[in-house]
């Protein structure tokens, strides 16, 4: 039995607008550059030694029709002017032997910076709990971020977010954000 453990990951996002819901999703995938892949959604573990690479580099590894693993956040609406967002948060531990976390957040009425920070906080909190880092969930993200990084266990946190308002004419609007794993 072969074990698949991705060595690289990249972040991407997209938005699509169309009269059909599925076509709107397809256009969002095109915006993200991952429309040619057969996407398989996985949960939230960032493998040990998995290197984050730029989107352009990651896209160059993908082939049409390939099975591609990703963590995806997606949101959609056909309500005119309704604010939607989709975000992926990333928390990478210090050292290369431990796993990290990816989180998905799908929101209505949240601007991109707020949704992105929420996703980043969620990933960092999941990682902090597995590492035994003490923190107060009532503290603001900025305060906890400093505690996490000062612990010496969390190396980096980041996020990617796509938001948009529902099309003014009631067409389907889809936003997505994804962490896409690249095969070895």
Protein backbone atom coordinates (compact mmCIF):
# COMPACT_ATOMS: atom_id res chain seq x y z
CA UNK A 1 0.00 0.00 0.00
CA UNK A 2 1.43 3.38 -0.93
CA UNK A 3 1.10 6.33 1.38
CA UNK A 4 0.44 9.76 -0.07
CA UNK A 5 2.02 12.58 1.94
CA UNK A 6 2.21 15.86 0.03
CA UNK A 7 5.54 17.67 0.05
CA UNK A 8 4.25 21.06 -1.16
CA UNK A 9 1.15 23.21 -0.77
CA UNK A 10 0.00 26.53 -2.19
CA UNK A 11 -2.85 28.92 -1.45
CA UNK A 12 -5.26 30.23 -4.07
CA UNK A 13 -8.64 31.92 -4.33
CA UNK A 14 -11.28 32.79 -6.89
CA UNK A 15 -14.72 34.24 -7.55
CA UNK A 16 -17.31 33.29 -10.16
CA UNK A 17 -20.60 34.81 -11.25
CA UNK A 18 -23.15 33.05 -13.48
CA UNK A 19 -26.88 32.38 -13.79
CA UNK A 20 -26.26 28.72 -12.93
CA UNK A 21 -24.91 27.74 -9.53
CA UNK A 22 -22.56 25.04 -10.88
CA UNK A 23 -21.19 27.33 -13.60
CA UNK A 24 -20.56 29.99 -10.96
CA UNK A 25 -18.48 27.45 -9.01
CA UNK A 26 -16.59 26.49 -12.18
CA UNK A 27 -15.74 30.15 -12.82
CA UNK A 28 -14.48 30.50 -9.24
CA UNK A 29 -12.27 27.43 -9.80
CA UNK A 30 -10.97 29.06 -12.99
CA UNK A 31 -10.23 32.24 -11.05
CA UNK A 32 -8.22 30.13 -8.63
CA UNK A 33 -6.49 28.29 -11.49
CA UNK A 34 -7.54 24.81 -10.36
CA UNK A 35 -10.47 24.10 -12.69
CA UNK A 36 -8.62 21.43 -14.68
CA UNK A 37 -8.12 19.14 -11.67
CA UNK A 38 -10.32 16.48 -10.10
CA UNK A 39 -10.43 17.91 -6.60
CA UNK A 40 -10.60 15.71 -3.52
CA UNK A 41 -11.38 17.56 -0.32
CA UNK A 42 -9.35 16.57 2.70
CA UNK A 43 -9.48 17.71 6.30
CA UNK A 44 -7.21 20.11 8.10
CA UNK A 45 -3.75 18.60 8.61
CA UNK A 46 -0.69 20.24 7.06
CA UNK A 47 1.81 17.36 6.78
CA UNK A 48 5.24 17.58 8.42
CA UNK A 49 7.91 18.93 6.06
CA UNK A 50 5.24 20.28 3.67
CA UNK A 51 6.67 23.40 2.04
CA UNK A 52 4.47 26.37 1.18
CA UNK A 53 5.17 27.52 -2.37
CA UNK A 54 3.89 30.43 -4.48
CA UNK A 55 0.64 29.90 -6.39
CA UNK A 56 2.30 30.24 -9.81
CA UNK A 57 4.83 27.54 -8.95
CA UNK A 58 2.14 25.26 -7.57
CA UNK A 59 -0.06 25.64 -10.64
CA UNK A 60 2.86 24.63 -12.86
CA UNK A 61 2.86 21.15 -11.24
CA UNK A 62 -0.81 20.47 -11.96
CA UNK A 63 -1.92 18.43 -14.99
CA UNK A 64 -5.38 18.33 -16.55
CA UNK A 65 -7.50 15.60 -15.00
CA UNK A 66 -5.15 14.75 -12.16
CA UNK A 67 -6.54 13.84 -8.74
CA UNK A 68 -5.65 16.84 -6.59
CA UNK A 69 -6.05 17.02 -2.84
CA UNK A 70 -7.08 20.30 -1.26
CA UNK A 71 -8.64 21.95 1.75
CA UNK A 72 -11.34 24.25 0.40
CA UNK A 73 -13.61 26.91 1.83
CA UNK A 74 -16.52 27.88 -0.43
CA UNK A 75 -19.53 30.14 -0.12
CA UNK A 76 -22.24 31.10 -2.57
CA UNK A 77 -25.33 33.26 -2.86
CA UNK A 78 -27.89 34.44 -5.37
CA UNK A 79 -29.05 37.25 -3.09
CA UNK A 80 -28.18 40.65 -4.56
CA UNK A 81 -25.50 42.52 -2.59
CA UNK A 82 -25.15 39.86 0.14
CA UNK A 83 -21.55 39.85 1.37
CA UNK A 84 -19.96 36.39 1.35
CA UNK A 85 -16.46 35.21 2.11
CA UNK A 86 -14.40 32.02 2.17
CA UNK A 87 -11.05 31.78 3.94
CA UNK A 88 -8.29 29.27 4.65
CA UNK A 89 -6.12 29.71 7.75
CA UNK A 90 -2.65 28.19 8.10
CA UNK A 91 -0.60 27.43 11.23
CA UNK A 92 2.86 25.97 10.77
CA UNK A 93 4.80 24.58 13.76
CA UNK A 94 8.46 25.29 14.36
CA UNK A 95 10.70 22.50 13.11
CA UNK A 96 9.91 20.14 10.31
CA UNK A 97 8.82 17.01 12.17
CA UNK A 98 5.43 18.13 13.50
CA UNK A 99 2.23 18.60 11.55
CA UNK A 100 0.40 21.91 11.24
CA UNK A 101 -3.19 22.91 10.69
CA UNK A 102 -5.34 24.34 7.94
CA UNK A 103 -8.79 25.71 8.69
CA UNK A 104 -11.77 26.61 6.54
CA UNK A 105 -14.13 29.48 7.29
CA UNK A 106 -17.26 30.35 5.32
CA UNK A 107 -19.06 33.54 6.32
CA UNK A 108 -21.92 35.85 5.45
CA UNK A 109 -21.61 39.55 6.21
CA UNK A 110 -17.88 39.49 7.05
CA UNK A 111 -15.34 41.55 5.17
CA UNK A 112 -12.26 39.70 3.89
CA UNK A 113 -9.79 40.87 6.57
CA UNK A 114 -12.11 39.77 9.37
CA UNK A 115 -12.90 36.39 7.78
CA UNK A 116 -9.22 35.78 7.00
CA UNK A 117 -8.09 36.60 10.52
CA UNK A 118 -10.78 34.32 11.94
CA UNK A 119 -9.54 31.42 9.79
CA UNK A 120 -5.93 32.12 10.78
CA UNK A 121 -6.89 32.27 14.46
CA UNK A 122 -8.80 29.00 14.16
CA UNK A 123 -5.81 27.17 12.60
CA UNK A 124 -3.42 28.59 15.20
CA UNK A 125 -5.74 27.68 18.06
CA UNK A 126 -6.07 24.08 16.83
CA UNK A 127 -2.28 23.82 16.60
CA UNK A 128 -1.78 25.46 20.01
CA UNK A 129 -4.11 22.98 21.68
CA UNK A 130 -2.20 20.00 20.26
CA UNK A 131 1.10 21.53 21.39
CA UNK A 132 -0.18 22.22 24.90
CA UNK A 133 0.32 25.99 24.67
CA UNK A 134 -1.76 27.66 27.41
CA UNK A 135 -3.99 30.52 26.26
CA UNK A 136 -7.22 32.29 27.09
CA UNK A 137 -9.90 31.89 24.40
CA UNK A 138 -11.38 35.23 25.48
CA UNK A 139 -8.24 37.14 24.47
CA UNK A 140 -8.21 38.95 21.14
CA UNK A 141 -6.51 37.18 18.21
CA UNK A 142 -3.63 39.67 18.22
CA UNK A 143 -2.86 38.88 21.87
CA UNK A 144 -3.09 35.10 21.37
CA UNK A 145 -0.97 35.34 18.21
CA UNK A 146 1.83 36.87 20.27
CA UNK A 147 1.49 34.15 22.92
CA UNK A 148 1.55 31.41 20.27
CA UNK A 149 4.63 32.78 18.55
CA UNK A 150 6.41 33.57 21.82
CA UNK A 151 5.94 29.95 22.90
CA UNK A 152 8.62 28.95 20.40
CA UNK A 153 6.39 26.18 19.01
CA UNK A 154 4.49 28.01 16.24
CA UNK A 155 6.64 29.27 13.41
CA UNK A 156 4.15 30.96 11.10
CA UNK A 157 0.47 31.73 10.67
CA UNK A 158 -1.20 33.16 7.59
CA UNK A 159 -4.46 33.10 5.64
CA UNK A 160 -6.02 33.62 2.24
CA UNK A 161 -9.54 34.95 1.79
CA UNK A 162 -11.90 35.72 -1.07
CA UNK A 163 -14.98 37.84 -0.51
CA UNK A 164 -17.51 39.44 -2.81
CA UNK A 165 -21.04 40.79 -2.82
CA UNK A 166 -23.83 38.85 -4.43
CA UNK A 167 -24.43 39.94 -8.02
CA UNK A 168 -26.81 42.92 -8.17
CA UNK A 169 -29.02 41.09 -10.71
CA UNK A 170 -29.37 37.93 -8.61
CA UNK A 171 -26.90 35.76 -10.52
CA UNK A 172 -25.08 33.11 -8.51
CA UNK A 173 -21.89 34.42 -6.92
CA UNK A 174 -19.37 31.87 -5.61
CA UNK A 175 -16.21 32.62 -3.64
CA UNK A 176 -13.58 30.07 -2.72
CA UNK A 177 -10.21 29.83 -1.05
CA UNK A 178 -8.08 26.69 -1.11
CA UNK A 179 -4.88 25.13 0.12
CA UNK A 180 -3.85 22.86 -2.75
CA UNK A 181 -1.46 19.97 -2.17
CA UNK A 182 1.13 19.25 -4.82
CA UNK A 183 2.20 15.64 -5.40
CA UNK A 184 5.88 14.73 -5.10
